Amino acid sequence: MTKLEQIEKIVTELDKYEFEAFSAWFEALQAERWDRQMEADAASGKLDHLAEKAFADFRAGKTRRL
């Protein structure tokens, strides 16, 4: 049995409260990993083209106030 299969089995056996606690923990973990990835992408310049396009659109009058 793989680690993933073991985890799946254990998660399906959690009671309601344990499952809610696990879900909250897992969601926080996903958010933390996403934040770290975004920070790394920004620091490496991977997102620069998006900022450049946004500034170009703004200068060209292609934006509107929120």
C-alpha atoms as a PDB file:
ATOM      1  CA  MET A   1       0.000   0.000   0.000  1.00  0.00           C
ATOM      2  CA  THR A   2       1.402   3.415  -0.970  1.00  0.00           C
ATOM      3  CA  LYS A   3       1.625   6.361   1.407  1.00  0.00           C
ATOM      4  CA  LEU A   4      -1.208   8.036  -0.473  1.00  0.00           C
ATOM      5  CA  GLU A   5      -3.409   4.974  -0.137  1.00  0.00           C
ATOM      6  CA  GLN A   6      -2.631   4.827   3.590  1.00  0.00           C
ATOM      7  CA  ILE A   7      -3.525   8.498   4.011  1.00  0.00           C
ATOM      8  CA  GLU A   8      -6.751   8.075   2.043  1.00  0.00           C
ATOM      9  CA  LYS A   9      -7.745   5.117   4.219  1.00  0.00           C
ATOM     10  CA  ILE A  10      -7.004   6.970   7.441  1.00  0.00           C
ATOM     11  CA  VAL A  11      -8.849  10.113   6.312  1.00  0.00           C
ATOM     12  CA  THR A  12     -11.960   8.141   5.392  1.00  0.00           C
ATOM     13  CA  GLU A  13     -11.957   6.650   8.903  1.00  0.00           C
ATOM     14  CA  LEU A  14     -11.882  10.020  10.709  1.00  0.00           C
ATOM     15  CA  ASP A  15     -14.958  11.007  12.671  1.00  0.00           C
ATOM     16  CA  LYS A  16     -16.753  14.274  11.892  1.00  0.00           C
ATOM     17  CA  TYR A  17     -14.705  16.429  14.285  1.00  0.00           C
ATOM     18  CA  GLU A  18     -11.378  14.905  13.328  1.00  0.00           C
ATOM     19  CA  PHE A  19     -12.242  15.363   9.653  1.00  0.00           C
ATOM     20  CA  GLU A  20     -13.136  19.041  10.206  1.00  0.00           C
ATOM     21  CA  ALA A  21      -9.849  19.597  12.055  1.00  0.00           C
ATOM     22  CA  PHE A  22      -7.919  17.781   9.330  1.00  0.00           C
ATOM     23  CA  SER A  23      -9.671  19.793   6.618  1.00  0.00           C
ATOM     24  CA  ALA A  24      -8.822  23.091   8.329  1.00  0.00           C
ATOM     25  CA  TRP A  25      -5.195  22.051   8.757  1.00  0.00           C
ATOM     26  CA  PHE A  26      -4.922  20.863   5.150  1.00  0.00           C
ATOM     27  CA  GLU A  27      -6.470  24.065   3.787  1.00  0.00           C
ATOM     28  CA  ALA A  28      -3.992  26.139   5.812  1.00  0.00           C
ATOM     29  CA  LEU A  29      -1.121  24.006   4.513  1.00  0.00           C
ATOM     30  CA  GLN A  30      -2.254  24.504   0.915  1.00  0.00           C
ATOM     31  CA  ALA A  31      -2.524  28.270   1.428  1.00  0.00           C
ATOM     32  CA  GLU A  32       0.952  28.410   2.982  1.00  0.00           C
ATOM     33  CA  ARG A  33       2.482  26.465   0.103  1.00  0.00           C
ATOM     34  CA  TRP A  34       0.676  28.646  -2.450  1.00  0.00           C
ATOM     35  CA  ASP A  35       1.967  31.793  -0.722  1.00  0.00           C
ATOM     36  CA  ARG A  36       5.540  30.463  -0.738  1.00  0.00           C
ATOM     37  CA  GLN A  37       5.265  29.571  -4.427  1.00  0.00           C
ATOM     38  CA  MET A  38       3.912  33.029  -5.307  1.00  0.00           C
ATOM     39  CA  GLU A  39       6.724  34.676  -3.322  1.00  0.00           C
ATOM     40  CA  ALA A  40       9.314  32.541  -5.107  1.00  0.00           C
ATOM     41  CA  ASP A  41       7.775  33.264  -8.515  1.00  0.00           C
ATOM     42  CA  ALA A  42       7.694  37.001  -7.797  1.00  0.00           C
ATOM     43  CA  ALA A  43      11.290  37.024  -6.536  1.00  0.00           C
ATOM     44  CA  SER A  44      12.504  35.114  -9.598  1.00  0.00           C
ATOM     45  CA  GLY A  45      10.786  37.489 -12.017  1.00  0.00           C
ATOM     46  CA  LYS A  46       8.286  34.952 -13.328  1.00  0.00           C
ATOM     47  CA  LEU A  47       5.450  37.429 -12.744  1.00  0.00           C
ATOM     48  CA  ASP A  48       7.143  40.497 -14.204  1.00  0.00           C
ATOM     49  CA  HIS A  49       5.430  40.114 -17.570  1.00  0.00           C
ATOM     50  CA  LEU A  50       2.040  40.328 -15.858  1.00  0.00           C
ATOM     51  CA  ALA A  51       2.962  43.590 -14.128  1.00  0.00           C
ATOM     52  CA  GLU A  52       4.345  44.987 -17.377  1.00  0.00           C
ATOM     53  CA  LYS A  53       1.100  44.150 -19.187  1.00  0.00           C
ATOM     54  CA  ALA A  54      -0.991  45.729 -16.424  1.00  0.00           C
ATOM     55  CA  PHE A  55       1.065  48.947 -16.556  1.00  0.00           C
ATOM     56  CA  ALA A  56       0.861  49.006 -20.358  1.00  0.00           C
ATOM     57  CA  ASP A  57      -2.919  48.560 -20.220  1.00  0.00           C
ATOM     58  CA  PHE A  58      -3.167  51.346 -17.645  1.00  0.00           C
ATOM     59  CA  ARG A  59      -1.067  53.726 -19.726  1.00  0.00           C
ATOM     60  CA  ALA A  60      -3.152  52.881 -22.816  1.00  0.00           C
ATOM     61  CA  GLY A  61      -6.385  53.694 -20.949  1.00  0.00           C
ATOM     62  CA  LYS A  62      -7.616  50.108 -21.019  1.00  0.00           C
ATOM     63  CA  THR A  63      -8.447  50.060 -17.312  1.00  0.00           C
ATOM     64  CA  ARG A  64     -11.262  51.431 -15.180  1.00  0.00           C
ATOM     65  CA  ARG A  65     -11.623  52.469 -11.558  1.00  0.00           C
ATOM     66  CA  LEU A  66     -12.844  49.836  -9.141  1.00  0.00           C
END
